[in-house]
Structure formats: C-alpha cells, structure tokens
Amino acid sequence: MNEKSTLLGVLGGLGPMSTVYFCELLIARTRAERDADHIDMLISNRATTPDRTAFILGQSTDDPLPVMREETRRLTSAGADLLVIPCNTAHYFYDGLKETCRLPILNIIEETGAFLHRAGAKTIGLLATDGTVLSRSYDKICQKYGMTCITPDPDGQKTVMSIIYDAVKQNKPVDRAAFLRVANSLLDRGAERLVLGCTELSLLNKETHLDPAVFVDSLEVLAYRTILACGKEPIGFPEGFASGKEV
C-alpha cells in the first residue's frame, strides 16, 4: 500500500490568475516522472472574496475574513492536510483564520522573510499593495530577523497600485519602465533585495523575467516551501534556492 501523501488545500481566488500561476509553479517545479509524483491538491478559487486592500484601508466594510473562513472549512472538510494562501495582502487575516482552522497554514510573508534572512539581506525594498504596506506585515517579519523594510514614496506606491489593479488584475499590459523606475528608486535608497510582495507582481515576473539576483518573488518562495512541506523535491527555481544558505 502506498504511503498517504499530503493533500494540499489552496485558498485562492485572491486574485484568480495568481492562484492558477501558483498551481502551475507547483506542477512545473516538482520533480516528477509520472502523474502520481505530483502534489495532490484541492483548489478553492473564491474570486468573489471581498477585496482585501479596500477593507484594510477602510474603503469598504465588506470583510473578507468570513468568506476566507468558510473556504478553509470547505477545504478542511474535504480532507486537506495543509493550507496555503497565494496572496500577501490576505495574510492580514492570517491570525483570524488560525483561530478557527485546525490545519497548519504556510505563511507567505514568514517564509519570504526567513528566506531573505538566510540570504543575508539587511535592507529590503517592498513592492506590494497599499493594504500590505499599511498592515506592516513585512516590517514585522523584518524586525524579527533584524532587517529593515523600506517602501516606495507616495508617487511610487501609486504606480505600484496602478500596475496591480489597473493592469495585471484587468489583464492589460504593464508599464515595465514605470515599474523599474520605482524598483530602482528603492535600490538607490539602499535596498539590497526587492520583494515582489503581491502575487499579481509575480505574474509580471512570469512575463518579463526580472533579475532573481535583485527581485525575490514571494510566490516562488511559497511554492518552493510548499513543495518541500508536501514531501516532494523542488526543481527549476532560481539559483540559490537550493543552496544551504537559502534552505
């Protein structure tokens, strides 16, 4: 009899294309010779979950947490052993989810912070939604590891939000030059690594192949740690992921 494999529950739809890309990463970057070598997954793509940033900023009273809790219950009841949330901003609600969920939930922000610490970073530049910036989720994890987190100036942050909401979420072309101007401004201010702290920006990375020596894609970090947590072997990640320094 085969040993029981880990059944992964993906709490997704936040946004939908990022969820699809996350699952694509899991499949493309797991060493496998046959279908059965891949991770068993249950995928919730609850696209109608209320907008996380709008709620965090007080622009909406439509709380995403009850919907997210409903989906964790659905995944738990279906037999999931481990949960992941391929959305940085949604981790504002992480503690609230843990209050009602008995399953372990990998934390994309914790995993990314730990990765950066192992990589020796001291100052990181965060590219993320207003919700993630306001929640200071990355500031808190950076403080834990003795790192400093800097964010774009107001105009730069508006550019990042426009790229996320007006381009990626609407399946429209991204102004890569504008994005790189914001990124370079963080490097000029002393950032050693730049974090793609929104999984919509991971889609930008997919299309434009940003320099992995500079940019750390939080979705790739989550995929890497998920593959390991499910007892599989990761392959095809940027150089450094599999070194003793990074794991």
Protein backbone atom coordinates (compact mmCIF):
# COMPACT_ATOMS: atom_id res chain seq x y z
CA MET A 1 0.00 0.00 0.00
CA ASN A 2 1.31 3.45 -0.90
CA GLU A 3 2.12 5.85 1.92
CA LYS A 4 -0.55 8.52 2.26
CA SER A 5 0.52 11.72 0.51
CA THR A 6 -0.10 15.23 1.81
CA LEU A 7 -3.31 16.70 0.43
CA LEU A 8 -2.73 20.40 -0.14
CA GLY A 9 -5.55 22.90 0.16
CA VAL A 10 -5.10 26.13 -1.83
CA LEU A 11 -7.16 29.04 -0.53
CA GLY A 12 -7.22 31.04 -3.73
CA GLY A 13 -9.07 33.46 -5.93
CA LEU A 14 -7.11 36.33 -4.36
CA GLY A 15 -6.69 37.01 -7.32
CA PRO A 16 -7.69 34.18 -9.61
CA MET A 17 -4.79 34.35 -12.08
CA SER A 18 -2.26 34.35 -9.25
CA THR A 19 -3.88 31.18 -7.93
CA VAL A 20 -3.58 29.50 -11.32
CA TYR A 21 0.06 30.56 -11.62
CA PHE A 22 0.85 29.28 -8.12
CA CYS A 23 -0.55 25.87 -9.00
CA GLU A 24 1.38 25.98 -12.27
CA LEU A 25 4.57 26.61 -10.31
CA LEU A 26 3.86 23.64 -8.05
CA ILE A 27 3.40 21.34 -11.03
CA ALA A 28 6.20 22.69 -13.21
CA ARG A 29 8.76 22.75 -10.40
CA THR A 30 8.14 19.42 -8.68
CA ARG A 31 10.46 16.63 -9.76
CA ALA A 32 8.18 14.02 -11.28
CA GLU A 33 8.35 11.16 -13.74
CA ARG A 34 4.62 10.40 -13.72
CA ASP A 35 1.33 11.99 -12.67
CA ALA A 36 1.39 10.27 -9.30
CA ASP A 37 4.65 12.01 -8.37
CA HIS A 38 2.91 15.38 -8.17
CA ILE A 39 1.22 17.05 -5.21
CA ASP A 40 -2.42 16.20 -4.57
CA MET A 41 -4.33 19.48 -4.40
CA LEU A 42 -7.75 20.84 -3.56
CA ILE A 43 -8.15 24.34 -5.00
CA SER A 44 -10.63 26.95 -3.84
CA ASN A 45 -10.74 29.81 -6.33
CA ARG A 46 -13.22 32.04 -4.48
CA ALA A 47 -12.87 35.07 -6.73
CA THR A 48 -15.85 36.81 -5.09
CA THR A 49 -13.98 37.16 -1.79
CA PRO A 50 -14.22 40.87 -0.85
CA ASP A 51 -11.20 42.97 -1.76
CA ARG A 52 -8.61 42.74 0.99
CA THR A 53 -6.92 46.09 0.44
CA ALA A 54 -10.21 48.02 0.31
CA PHE A 55 -11.21 46.57 3.68
CA ILE A 56 -7.82 47.18 5.31
CA LEU A 57 -7.80 50.80 4.11
CA GLY A 58 -11.34 51.38 5.40
CA GLN A 59 -12.67 51.94 1.90
CA SER A 60 -15.11 49.04 2.29
CA THR A 61 -16.93 47.42 5.20
CA ASP A 62 -17.18 44.13 3.32
CA ASP A 63 -14.98 41.89 5.49
CA PRO A 64 -13.11 39.14 3.61
CA LEU A 65 -12.46 37.08 6.76
CA PRO A 66 -15.85 35.29 6.99
CA VAL A 67 -15.54 34.19 3.35
CA MET A 68 -11.97 33.03 3.87
CA ARG A 69 -13.02 31.11 6.98
CA GLU A 70 -15.82 29.46 5.00
CA GLU A 71 -13.33 28.32 2.38
CA THR A 72 -10.88 26.97 4.98
CA ARG A 73 -13.75 24.94 6.46
CA ARG A 74 -14.62 23.65 2.99
CA LEU A 75 -11.02 22.60 2.32
CA THR A 76 -10.68 21.05 5.78
CA SER A 77 -13.92 19.10 5.40
CA ALA A 78 -12.74 17.84 2.02
CA GLY A 79 -9.67 16.30 3.66
CA ALA A 80 -6.85 18.82 3.21
CA ASP A 81 -3.81 18.31 5.45
CA LEU A 82 -2.06 21.64 4.82
CA LEU A 83 -3.27 25.03 3.60
CA VAL A 84 -1.60 27.79 1.59
CA ILE A 85 -2.84 31.25 0.63
CA PRO A 86 -1.15 32.58 -2.54
CA CYS A 87 -1.86 36.22 -1.66
CA ASN A 88 0.25 38.52 0.51
CA THR A 89 -2.46 41.03 1.43
CA ALA A 90 -4.76 38.24 2.62
CA HIS A 91 -2.24 37.43 5.35
CA TYR A 92 -3.57 40.45 7.23
CA PHE A 93 -6.29 37.95 8.20
CA TYR A 94 -3.88 35.08 8.98
CA ASP A 95 -4.35 35.18 12.76
CA GLY A 96 -8.12 35.36 12.36
CA LEU A 97 -8.05 32.29 10.13
CA LYS A 98 -5.88 30.37 12.57
CA GLU A 99 -8.42 30.99 15.34
CA THR A 100 -10.94 28.75 13.58
CA CYS A 101 -8.72 26.44 11.50
CA ARG A 102 -7.05 23.35 12.95
CA LEU A 103 -4.80 22.80 9.94
CA PRO A 104 -1.30 24.25 9.51
CA ILE A 105 -1.23 27.22 7.14
CA LEU A 106 2.05 28.15 5.45
CA ASN A 107 2.60 31.89 5.78
CA ILE A 108 3.94 33.53 2.60
CA ILE A 109 5.27 36.56 4.49
CA GLU A 110 7.00 34.49 7.18
CA GLU A 111 8.54 32.21 4.55
CA THR A 112 9.73 35.16 2.45
CA GLY A 113 11.20 36.93 5.46
CA ALA A 114 13.03 33.78 6.54
CA PHE A 115 14.35 33.32 3.00
CA LEU A 116 15.72 36.86 2.92
CA HIS A 117 17.31 36.41 6.33
CA ARG A 118 19.04 33.22 5.21
CA ALA A 119 20.21 35.07 2.11
CA GLY A 120 21.91 37.65 4.32
CA ALA A 121 19.76 40.65 3.39
CA LYS A 122 19.79 43.60 5.77
CA THR A 123 17.59 46.10 3.91
CA ILE A 124 14.74 45.07 1.63
CA GLY A 125 12.52 47.11 -0.65
CA LEU A 126 8.85 46.10 -0.64
CA LEU A 127 6.68 46.26 -3.74
CA ALA A 128 3.13 45.45 -2.62
CA THR A 129 -0.44 46.68 -2.28
CA ASP A 130 -1.40 49.58 -0.06
CA GLY A 131 -3.06 47.00 2.18
CA THR A 132 0.13 45.05 2.72
CA VAL A 133 2.15 48.23 3.22
CA LEU A 134 -0.36 49.66 5.73
CA SER A 135 -0.60 46.39 7.67
CA ARG A 136 3.20 46.48 8.14
CA SER A 137 3.29 42.70 7.75
CA TYR A 138 6.74 42.78 6.18
CA ASP A 139 8.02 45.35 8.68
CA LYS A 140 7.13 42.97 11.49
CA ILE A 141 8.87 39.98 9.93
CA CYS A 142 11.89 42.12 9.09
CA GLN A 143 12.12 43.27 12.70
CA LYS A 144 12.03 39.62 13.78
CA TYR A 145 15.09 38.88 11.63
CA GLY A 146 16.96 42.14 12.22
CA MET A 147 16.24 43.53 8.76
CA THR A 148 14.92 46.89 7.60
CA CYS A 149 11.97 47.23 5.21
CA ILE A 150 11.56 50.29 3.00
CA THR A 151 8.65 51.11 0.70
CA PRO A 152 8.22 53.42 -2.31
CA ASP A 153 7.50 57.12 -1.91
CA PRO A 154 3.81 58.13 -2.35
CA ASP A 155 4.08 58.58 -6.12
CA GLY A 156 5.94 55.30 -6.49
CA GLN A 157 3.34 53.49 -4.40
CA LYS A 158 0.58 54.90 -6.62
CA THR A 159 2.45 53.46 -9.60
CA VAL A 160 2.67 50.03 -7.95
CA MET A 161 -1.05 50.05 -7.13
CA SER A 162 -1.91 51.09 -10.69
CA ILE A 163 0.19 48.24 -12.07
CA ILE A 164 -1.59 45.76 -9.78
CA TYR A 165 -5.17 46.99 -10.10
CA ASP A 166 -5.32 48.77 -13.47
CA ALA A 167 -3.05 46.43 -15.43
CA VAL A 168 -2.48 42.94 -14.03
CA LYS A 169 -5.91 42.42 -12.45
CA GLN A 170 -7.52 43.64 -15.69
CA ASN A 171 -5.29 41.52 -17.94
CA LYS A 172 -3.78 44.62 -19.52
CA PRO A 173 -0.13 45.29 -20.45
CA VAL A 174 2.14 46.50 -17.66
CA ASP A 175 4.27 49.63 -18.00
CA ARG A 176 7.53 47.82 -17.25
CA ALA A 177 9.56 51.04 -17.45
CA ALA A 178 7.40 52.65 -14.76
CA PHE A 179 7.74 49.57 -12.58
CA LEU A 180 11.51 49.56 -12.93
CA ARG A 181 11.68 53.26 -12.05
CA VAL A 182 10.03 52.50 -8.72
CA ALA A 183 12.25 49.46 -8.20
CA ASN A 184 15.41 51.41 -8.97
CA SER A 185 14.40 54.17 -6.56
CA LEU A 186 14.33 51.59 -3.75
CA LEU A 187 17.75 50.30 -4.77
CA ASP A 188 19.06 53.88 -4.79
CA ARG A 189 17.80 54.23 -1.20
CA GLY A 190 19.82 51.24 -0.06
CA ALA A 191 17.64 48.20 -0.62
CA GLU A 192 19.72 45.08 -1.27
CA ARG A 193 16.84 42.88 -2.44
CA LEU A 194 13.40 43.83 -3.75
CA VAL A 195 10.42 41.76 -2.69
CA LEU A 196 7.54 41.14 -5.04
CA GLY A 197 5.13 41.27 -2.13
CA CYS A 198 1.99 40.95 -4.22
CA THR A 199 1.24 37.84 -6.25
CA GLU A 200 -0.04 39.98 -9.12
CA LEU A 201 3.54 41.20 -9.41
CA SER A 202 4.56 37.54 -9.62
CA LEU A 203 2.62 37.48 -12.89
CA LEU A 204 4.71 40.43 -14.07
CA ASN A 205 7.79 38.41 -13.15
CA LYS A 206 6.47 35.45 -15.12
CA GLU A 207 6.13 37.55 -18.25
CA THR A 208 9.26 39.71 -18.01
CA HIS A 209 11.75 37.50 -16.13
CA LEU A 210 13.02 40.00 -13.57
CA ASP A 211 16.57 39.54 -12.31
CA PRO A 212 16.41 36.94 -9.48
CA ALA A 213 19.64 38.34 -8.02
CA VAL A 214 17.67 41.51 -7.22
CA PHE A 215 13.99 40.51 -7.04
CA VAL A 216 12.64 37.93 -4.60
CA ASP A 217 9.27 36.63 -5.76
CA SER A 218 7.18 35.79 -2.69
CA LEU A 219 5.03 33.40 -4.73
CA GLU A 220 8.11 31.44 -5.81
CA VAL A 221 9.24 31.27 -2.18
CA LEU A 222 5.82 29.96 -1.15
CA ALA A 223 5.84 27.41 -3.98
CA TYR A 224 9.31 26.19 -3.00
CA ARG A 225 8.40 25.81 0.67
CA THR A 226 5.08 24.16 -0.23
CA ILE A 227 6.76 21.53 -2.39
CA LEU A 228 9.14 20.71 0.45
CA ALA A 229 6.31 20.65 3.01
CA CYS A 230 4.45 18.14 0.83
CA GLY A 231 7.48 15.84 0.80
CA LYS A 232 8.44 16.48 -2.81
CA GLU A 233 11.65 17.67 -4.49
CA PRO A 234 11.70 21.22 -5.91
CA ILE A 235 13.39 21.82 -9.27
CA GLY A 236 13.88 24.77 -11.62
CA PHE A 237 13.95 27.55 -9.02
CA PRO A 238 16.36 30.49 -9.31
CA GLU A 239 19.96 29.81 -8.36
CA GLY A 240 20.37 29.98 -4.60
CA PHE A 241 17.02 28.49 -3.59
CA ALA A 242 18.51 25.02 -3.13
CA SER A 243 21.80 26.07 -1.50
CA GLY A 244 22.41 25.55 2.17
CA LYS A 245 22.31 29.33 2.51
CA GLU A 246 18.74 29.51 1.33
CA VAL A 247 17.05 26.43 2.77
